[in-house]
Amino acid sequence: MNTYQSKLTENTWIWLVKVFAGLFIVVLMGIHFIVNHLVAPGGLLSYADVLAYYQNPIIPIMEGFFLVFVVGHALLGLRSILLDLNPSAARMRWIDIILFALGGVAIVYGIWLIIIMVLKGNA
């Protein structure tokens, strides 16, 4: 049995990452909801409101963390589901590569959109 075959179970560290990511998601979602719907007068209803909202430097940072935690949590959860199908070591290696690439693309794209929102608000 190679070293990758012995790693075909979800270890404690991956489980802890999912748990903490889930907790951070709940906290950030709560902050997001309160700020967007309760603190902003009438809520953020227009594109101009959203652009102005993104000019506060804390907001893009918070939204970026929210993005990273949601993507990571979702893909680790999907990996756990796929592990339950008992794939071979070679197939699991490809699944890990695909999920990692998919997560990287999603996060880079999301961060790019956040940057665009900040820059459009400055124009």
N, C-alpha and C. Protein backbone atom coordinates (compact mmCIF):
# COMPACT_ATOMS: atom_id res chain seq x y z
N MET A 1 0.86 -1.18 0.00
CA MET A 1 0.00 0.00 0.00
C MET A 1 0.90 1.24 0.00
N ASN A 2 0.67 2.14 -0.97
CA ASN A 2 1.48 3.36 -1.02
C ASN A 2 0.97 4.37 0.00
N THR A 3 1.72 5.45 0.16
CA THR A 3 1.34 6.44 1.18
C THR A 3 0.03 7.13 0.84
N TYR A 4 -0.26 7.29 -0.45
CA TYR A 4 -1.52 7.95 -0.82
C TYR A 4 -2.70 7.06 -0.46
N GLN A 5 -2.56 5.74 -0.65
CA GLN A 5 -3.64 4.81 -0.32
C GLN A 5 -3.99 4.90 1.16
N SER A 6 -2.99 5.07 2.02
CA SER A 6 -3.26 5.14 3.44
C SER A 6 -3.92 6.47 3.83
N LYS A 7 -3.91 7.45 2.93
CA LYS A 7 -4.50 8.75 3.21
C LYS A 7 -5.91 8.87 2.63
N LEU A 8 -6.52 7.77 2.21
CA LEU A 8 -7.84 7.84 1.59
C LEU A 8 -8.96 7.98 2.60
N THR A 9 -8.64 8.30 3.80
CA THR A 9 -9.66 8.60 4.79
C THR A 9 -9.55 10.07 5.14
N GLU A 10 -10.59 10.58 5.71
CA GLU A 10 -10.56 11.99 6.09
C GLU A 10 -9.86 12.09 7.44
N ASN A 11 -8.71 12.74 7.46
CA ASN A 11 -7.98 12.81 8.72
C ASN A 11 -8.54 13.92 9.61
N THR A 12 -8.06 13.97 10.81
CA THR A 12 -8.56 14.92 11.81
C THR A 12 -8.37 16.36 11.37
N TRP A 13 -7.26 16.67 10.71
CA TRP A 13 -7.00 18.06 10.30
C TRP A 13 -8.01 18.54 9.28
N ILE A 14 -8.34 17.69 8.31
CA ILE A 14 -9.34 18.09 7.31
C ILE A 14 -10.69 18.29 7.98
N TRP A 15 -11.03 17.41 8.91
CA TRP A 15 -12.29 17.54 9.64
C TRP A 15 -12.32 18.85 10.43
N LEU A 16 -11.21 19.18 11.11
CA LEU A 16 -11.14 20.42 11.88
C LEU A 16 -11.25 21.65 10.98
N VAL A 17 -10.62 21.60 9.80
CA VAL A 17 -10.73 22.72 8.85
C VAL A 17 -12.18 22.92 8.46
N LYS A 18 -12.90 21.83 8.19
CA LYS A 18 -14.32 21.95 7.82
C LYS A 18 -15.15 22.53 8.97
N VAL A 19 -14.87 22.08 10.19
CA VAL A 19 -15.63 22.58 11.34
C VAL A 19 -15.38 24.07 11.55
N PHE A 20 -14.11 24.48 11.55
CA PHE A 20 -13.81 25.89 11.75
C PHE A 20 -14.28 26.75 10.59
N ALA A 21 -14.16 26.24 9.36
CA ALA A 21 -14.69 26.97 8.21
C ALA A 21 -16.19 27.15 8.34
N GLY A 22 -16.89 26.11 8.78
CA GLY A 22 -18.33 26.22 8.99
C GLY A 22 -18.67 27.28 10.04
N LEU A 23 -17.91 27.31 11.13
CA LEU A 23 -18.14 28.33 12.16
C LEU A 23 -17.88 29.73 11.63
N PHE A 24 -16.78 29.91 10.90
CA PHE A 24 -16.48 31.22 10.32
C PHE A 24 -17.54 31.64 9.31
N ILE A 25 -18.06 30.68 8.55
CA ILE A 25 -19.12 30.99 7.59
C ILE A 25 -20.35 31.52 8.31
N VAL A 26 -20.73 30.87 9.39
CA VAL A 26 -21.90 31.32 10.14
C VAL A 26 -21.68 32.72 10.70
N VAL A 27 -20.51 32.98 11.26
CA VAL A 27 -20.21 34.31 11.81
C VAL A 27 -20.20 35.36 10.70
N LEU A 28 -19.47 35.08 9.62
CA LEU A 28 -19.39 36.06 8.52
C LEU A 28 -20.74 36.26 7.83
N MET A 29 -21.53 35.20 7.72
CA MET A 29 -22.85 35.34 7.13
C MET A 29 -23.74 36.21 8.02
N GLY A 30 -23.62 36.05 9.33
CA GLY A 30 -24.36 36.90 10.26
C GLY A 30 -23.97 38.36 10.13
N ILE A 31 -22.67 38.63 10.08
CA ILE A 31 -22.19 40.00 9.91
C ILE A 31 -22.65 40.56 8.57
N HIS A 32 -22.53 39.76 7.52
CA HIS A 32 -22.96 40.16 6.18
C HIS A 32 -24.45 40.52 6.19
N PHE A 33 -25.25 39.69 6.79
CA PHE A 33 -26.70 39.93 6.84
C PHE A 33 -27.02 41.21 7.62
N ILE A 34 -26.41 41.36 8.78
CA ILE A 34 -26.69 42.53 9.62
C ILE A 34 -26.29 43.82 8.90
N VAL A 35 -25.09 43.84 8.33
CA VAL A 35 -24.60 45.06 7.69
C VAL A 35 -25.41 45.38 6.43
N ASN A 36 -25.68 44.36 5.61
CA ASN A 36 -26.36 44.61 4.33
C ASN A 36 -27.85 44.89 4.48
N HIS A 37 -28.48 44.31 5.48
CA HIS A 37 -29.93 44.39 5.54
C HIS A 37 -30.48 45.15 6.74
N LEU A 38 -29.69 45.30 7.78
CA LEU A 38 -30.20 45.98 8.97
C LEU A 38 -29.52 47.32 9.22
N VAL A 39 -28.23 47.43 8.97
CA VAL A 39 -27.51 48.67 9.23
C VAL A 39 -27.66 49.65 8.08
N ALA A 40 -27.53 49.16 6.85
CA ALA A 40 -27.66 50.04 5.68
C ALA A 40 -29.11 50.53 5.60
N PRO A 41 -29.31 51.84 5.52
CA PRO A 41 -30.67 52.36 5.49
C PRO A 41 -31.42 51.84 4.26
N GLY A 42 -32.47 51.06 4.50
CA GLY A 42 -33.26 50.50 3.42
C GLY A 42 -32.58 49.33 2.74
N GLY A 43 -31.42 48.92 3.20
CA GLY A 43 -30.67 47.83 2.57
C GLY A 43 -29.92 48.32 1.35
N LEU A 44 -29.05 47.49 0.85
CA LEU A 44 -28.30 47.83 -0.36
C LEU A 44 -29.16 47.44 -1.56
N LEU A 45 -29.83 48.42 -2.13
CA LEU A 45 -30.81 48.12 -3.17
C LEU A 45 -30.32 48.38 -4.58
N SER A 46 -29.35 49.23 -4.74
CA SER A 46 -28.92 49.56 -6.09
C SER A 46 -27.44 49.22 -6.28
N TYR A 47 -27.05 49.18 -7.55
CA TYR A 47 -25.66 48.92 -7.89
C TYR A 47 -24.75 50.01 -7.30
N ALA A 48 -25.21 51.25 -7.34
CA ALA A 48 -24.44 52.36 -6.77
C ALA A 48 -24.26 52.18 -5.26
N ASP A 49 -25.31 51.68 -4.58
CA ASP A 49 -25.20 51.41 -3.14
C ASP A 49 -24.12 50.36 -2.85
N VAL A 50 -24.10 49.32 -3.68
CA VAL A 50 -23.13 48.25 -3.48
C VAL A 50 -21.71 48.77 -3.74
N LEU A 51 -21.54 49.56 -4.80
CA LEU A 51 -20.21 50.13 -5.08
C LEU A 51 -19.75 51.02 -3.94
N ALA A 52 -20.64 51.83 -3.40
CA ALA A 52 -20.28 52.69 -2.27
C ALA A 52 -19.94 51.84 -1.04
N TYR A 53 -20.68 50.78 -0.83
CA TYR A 53 -20.47 49.87 0.29
C TYR A 53 -19.06 49.25 0.23
N TYR A 54 -18.60 48.91 -0.97
CA TYR A 54 -17.29 48.29 -1.14
C TYR A 54 -16.14 49.27 -0.95
N GLN A 55 -16.41 50.54 -0.77
CA GLN A 55 -15.34 51.51 -0.55
C GLN A 55 -14.83 51.49 0.88
N ASN A 56 -15.59 50.89 1.79
CA ASN A 56 -15.11 50.67 3.15
C ASN A 56 -14.09 49.54 3.07
N PRO A 57 -12.83 49.75 3.49
CA PRO A 57 -11.79 48.74 3.29
C PRO A 57 -12.06 47.42 4.02
N ILE A 58 -12.86 47.43 5.04
CA ILE A 58 -13.14 46.19 5.78
C ILE A 58 -14.06 45.28 4.97
N ILE A 59 -14.94 45.85 4.17
CA ILE A 59 -15.94 45.07 3.44
C ILE A 59 -15.30 44.11 2.42
N PRO A 60 -14.42 44.57 1.53
CA PRO A 60 -13.81 43.61 0.59
C PRO A 60 -13.01 42.52 1.30
N ILE A 61 -12.37 42.87 2.41
CA ILE A 61 -11.61 41.87 3.17
C ILE A 61 -12.57 40.83 3.74
N MET A 62 -13.67 41.29 4.35
CA MET A 62 -14.65 40.38 4.93
C MET A 62 -15.26 39.49 3.84
N GLU A 63 -15.62 40.08 2.71
CA GLU A 63 -16.22 39.31 1.62
C GLU A 63 -15.22 38.32 1.04
N GLY A 64 -13.95 38.69 0.98
CA GLY A 64 -12.91 37.77 0.51
C GLY A 64 -12.76 36.57 1.44
N PHE A 65 -12.73 36.81 2.74
CA PHE A 65 -12.67 35.70 3.69
C PHE A 65 -13.91 34.82 3.57
N PHE A 66 -15.07 35.44 3.45
CA PHE A 66 -16.32 34.71 3.28
C PHE A 66 -16.22 33.79 2.06
N LEU A 67 -15.74 34.32 0.96
CA LEU A 67 -15.57 33.55 -0.27
C LEU A 67 -14.64 32.35 -0.05
N VAL A 68 -13.48 32.59 0.54
CA VAL A 68 -12.50 31.52 0.74
C VAL A 68 -13.07 30.42 1.65
N PHE A 69 -13.72 30.82 2.74
CA PHE A 69 -14.25 29.82 3.67
C PHE A 69 -15.40 29.03 3.04
N VAL A 70 -16.27 29.68 2.29
CA VAL A 70 -17.39 28.97 1.66
C VAL A 70 -16.87 27.99 0.61
N VAL A 71 -15.96 28.43 -0.24
CA VAL A 71 -15.43 27.54 -1.28
C VAL A 71 -14.69 26.36 -0.64
N GLY A 72 -13.82 26.64 0.32
CA GLY A 72 -13.08 25.57 0.98
C GLY A 72 -13.99 24.58 1.68
N HIS A 73 -14.96 25.08 2.42
CA HIS A 73 -15.89 24.23 3.15
C HIS A 73 -16.71 23.37 2.18
N ALA A 74 -17.19 23.99 1.11
CA ALA A 74 -18.00 23.25 0.14
C ALA A 74 -17.19 22.15 -0.54
N LEU A 75 -15.98 22.47 -0.97
CA LEU A 75 -15.19 21.47 -1.68
C LEU A 75 -14.67 20.37 -0.76
N LEU A 76 -14.37 20.69 0.49
CA LEU A 76 -13.99 19.63 1.44
C LEU A 76 -15.19 18.73 1.74
N GLY A 77 -16.38 19.32 1.79
CA GLY A 77 -17.58 18.51 1.97
C GLY A 77 -17.82 17.59 0.79
N LEU A 78 -17.64 18.11 -0.43
CA LEU A 78 -17.78 17.30 -1.63
C LEU A 78 -16.74 16.18 -1.65
N ARG A 79 -15.52 16.49 -1.22
CA ARG A 79 -14.48 15.47 -1.14
C ARG A 79 -14.87 14.37 -0.17
N SER A 80 -15.47 14.74 0.95
CA SER A 80 -15.92 13.73 1.92
C SER A 80 -16.98 12.82 1.33
N ILE A 81 -17.90 13.40 0.57
CA ILE A 81 -18.94 12.60 -0.08
C ILE A 81 -18.31 11.63 -1.08
N LEU A 82 -17.35 12.13 -1.86
CA LEU A 82 -16.69 11.27 -2.85
C LEU A 82 -15.86 10.18 -2.17
N LEU A 83 -15.29 10.46 -1.01
CA LEU A 83 -14.56 9.43 -0.26
C LEU A 83 -15.48 8.29 0.15
N ASP A 84 -16.74 8.62 0.44
CA ASP A 84 -17.71 7.59 0.82
C ASP A 84 -17.97 6.60 -0.32
N LEU A 85 -17.66 6.98 -1.56
CA LEU A 85 -17.84 6.09 -2.70
C LEU A 85 -16.68 5.10 -2.83
N ASN A 86 -15.70 5.21 -1.95
CA ASN A 86 -14.54 4.32 -1.88
C ASN A 86 -13.77 4.25 -3.21
N PRO A 87 -13.26 5.39 -3.68
CA PRO A 87 -12.52 5.39 -4.95
C PRO A 87 -11.13 4.77 -4.77
N SER A 88 -10.54 4.39 -5.87
CA SER A 88 -9.17 3.89 -5.83
C SER A 88 -8.23 5.06 -5.50
N ALA A 89 -7.01 4.72 -5.14
CA ALA A 89 -6.03 5.77 -4.81
C ALA A 89 -5.76 6.67 -6.01
N ALA A 90 -5.65 6.07 -7.19
CA ALA A 90 -5.39 6.88 -8.39
C ALA A 90 -6.56 7.81 -8.68
N ARG A 91 -7.76 7.30 -8.56
CA ARG A 91 -8.94 8.14 -8.83
C ARG A 91 -9.05 9.26 -7.78
N MET A 92 -8.75 8.95 -6.53
CA MET A 92 -8.82 9.97 -5.48
C MET A 92 -7.77 11.04 -5.69
N ARG A 93 -6.62 10.65 -6.19
CA ARG A 93 -5.58 11.64 -6.49
C ARG A 93 -6.10 12.64 -7.53
N TRP A 94 -6.78 12.13 -8.58
CA TRP A 94 -7.34 13.01 -9.61
C TRP A 94 -8.48 13.86 -9.05
N ILE A 95 -9.28 13.29 -8.19
CA ILE A 95 -10.37 14.05 -7.56
C ILE A 95 -9.79 15.20 -6.75
N ASP A 96 -8.73 14.93 -5.98
CA ASP A 96 -8.09 15.98 -5.19
C ASP A 96 -7.54 17.09 -6.09
N ILE A 97 -6.89 16.71 -7.17
CA ILE A 97 -6.33 17.71 -8.10
C ILE A 97 -7.45 18.55 -8.70
N ILE A 98 -8.52 17.90 -9.14
CA ILE A 98 -9.64 18.63 -9.77
C ILE A 98 -10.31 19.56 -8.77
N LEU A 99 -10.56 19.08 -7.54
CA LEU A 99 -11.20 19.93 -6.53
C LEU A 99 -10.31 21.10 -6.15
N PHE A 100 -9.01 20.85 -6.03
CA PHE A 100 -8.07 21.93 -5.70
C PHE A 100 -8.06 22.98 -6.80
N ALA A 101 -8.01 22.53 -8.06
CA ALA A 101 -8.01 23.47 -9.20
C ALA A 101 -9.32 24.23 -9.26
N LEU A 102 -10.44 23.54 -9.08
CA LEU A 102 -11.75 24.18 -9.10
C LEU A 102 -11.85 25.24 -8.00
N GLY A 103 -11.38 24.91 -6.80
CA GLY A 103 -11.39 25.87 -5.70
C GLY A 103 -10.51 27.06 -5.99
N GLY A 104 -9.33 26.81 -6.55
CA GLY A 104 -8.42 27.91 -6.89
C GLY A 104 -9.03 28.85 -7.91
N VAL A 105 -9.64 28.29 -8.94
CA VAL A 105 -10.27 29.12 -9.98
C VAL A 105 -11.42 29.93 -9.38
N ALA A 106 -12.25 29.29 -8.57
CA ALA A 106 -13.39 29.99 -7.96
C ALA A 106 -12.93 31.13 -7.06
N ILE A 107 -11.90 30.89 -6.27
CA ILE A 107 -11.41 31.94 -5.36
C ILE A 107 -10.76 33.07 -6.14
N VAL A 108 -9.92 32.75 -7.12
CA VAL A 108 -9.28 33.80 -7.92
C VAL A 108 -10.34 34.64 -8.64
N TYR A 109 -11.34 33.98 -9.22
CA TYR A 109 -12.41 34.71 -9.91
C TYR A 109 -13.19 35.61 -8.93
N GLY A 110 -13.50 35.08 -7.76
CA GLY A 110 -14.23 35.86 -6.76
C GLY A 110 -13.44 37.06 -6.27
N ILE A 111 -12.15 36.87 -6.01
CA ILE A 111 -11.29 37.98 -5.58
C ILE A 111 -11.19 39.02 -6.69
N TRP A 112 -11.09 38.56 -7.94
CA TRP A 112 -11.05 39.48 -9.08
C TRP A 112 -12.33 40.32 -9.11
N LEU A 113 -13.48 39.70 -8.90
CA LEU A 113 -14.74 40.45 -8.88
C LEU A 113 -14.79 41.46 -7.74
N ILE A 114 -14.27 41.08 -6.58
CA ILE A 114 -14.23 42.01 -5.44
C ILE A 114 -13.36 43.21 -5.80
N ILE A 115 -12.20 42.96 -6.40
CA ILE A 115 -11.31 44.06 -6.80
C ILE A 115 -11.98 44.97 -7.81
N ILE A 116 -12.70 44.38 -8.78
CA ILE A 116 -13.43 45.16 -9.78
C ILE A 116 -14.46 46.06 -9.09
N MET A 117 -15.17 45.54 -8.10
CA MET A 117 -16.18 46.33 -7.39
C MET A 117 -15.52 47.51 -6.68
N VAL A 118 -14.38 47.27 -6.06
CA VAL A 118 -13.67 48.35 -5.37
C VAL A 118 -13.21 49.40 -6.36
N LEU A 119 -12.62 48.97 -7.47
CA LEU A 119 -12.09 49.92 -8.47
C LEU A 119 -13.21 50.72 -9.15
N LYS A 120 -14.34 50.09 -9.42
CA LYS A 120 -15.45 50.81 -10.05
C LYS A 120 -16.02 51.86 -9.11
N GLY A 121 -15.97 51.58 -7.82
CA GLY A 121 -16.46 52.57 -6.86
C GLY A 121 -15.55 53.79 -6.76
N ASN A 122 -14.27 53.60 -7.07
CA ASN A 122 -13.31 54.70 -7.03
C ASN A 122 -13.38 55.57 -8.29
N ALA A 123 -13.98 55.04 -9.35
CA ALA A 123 -14.00 55.78 -10.62
C ALA A 123 -15.03 56.88 -10.62
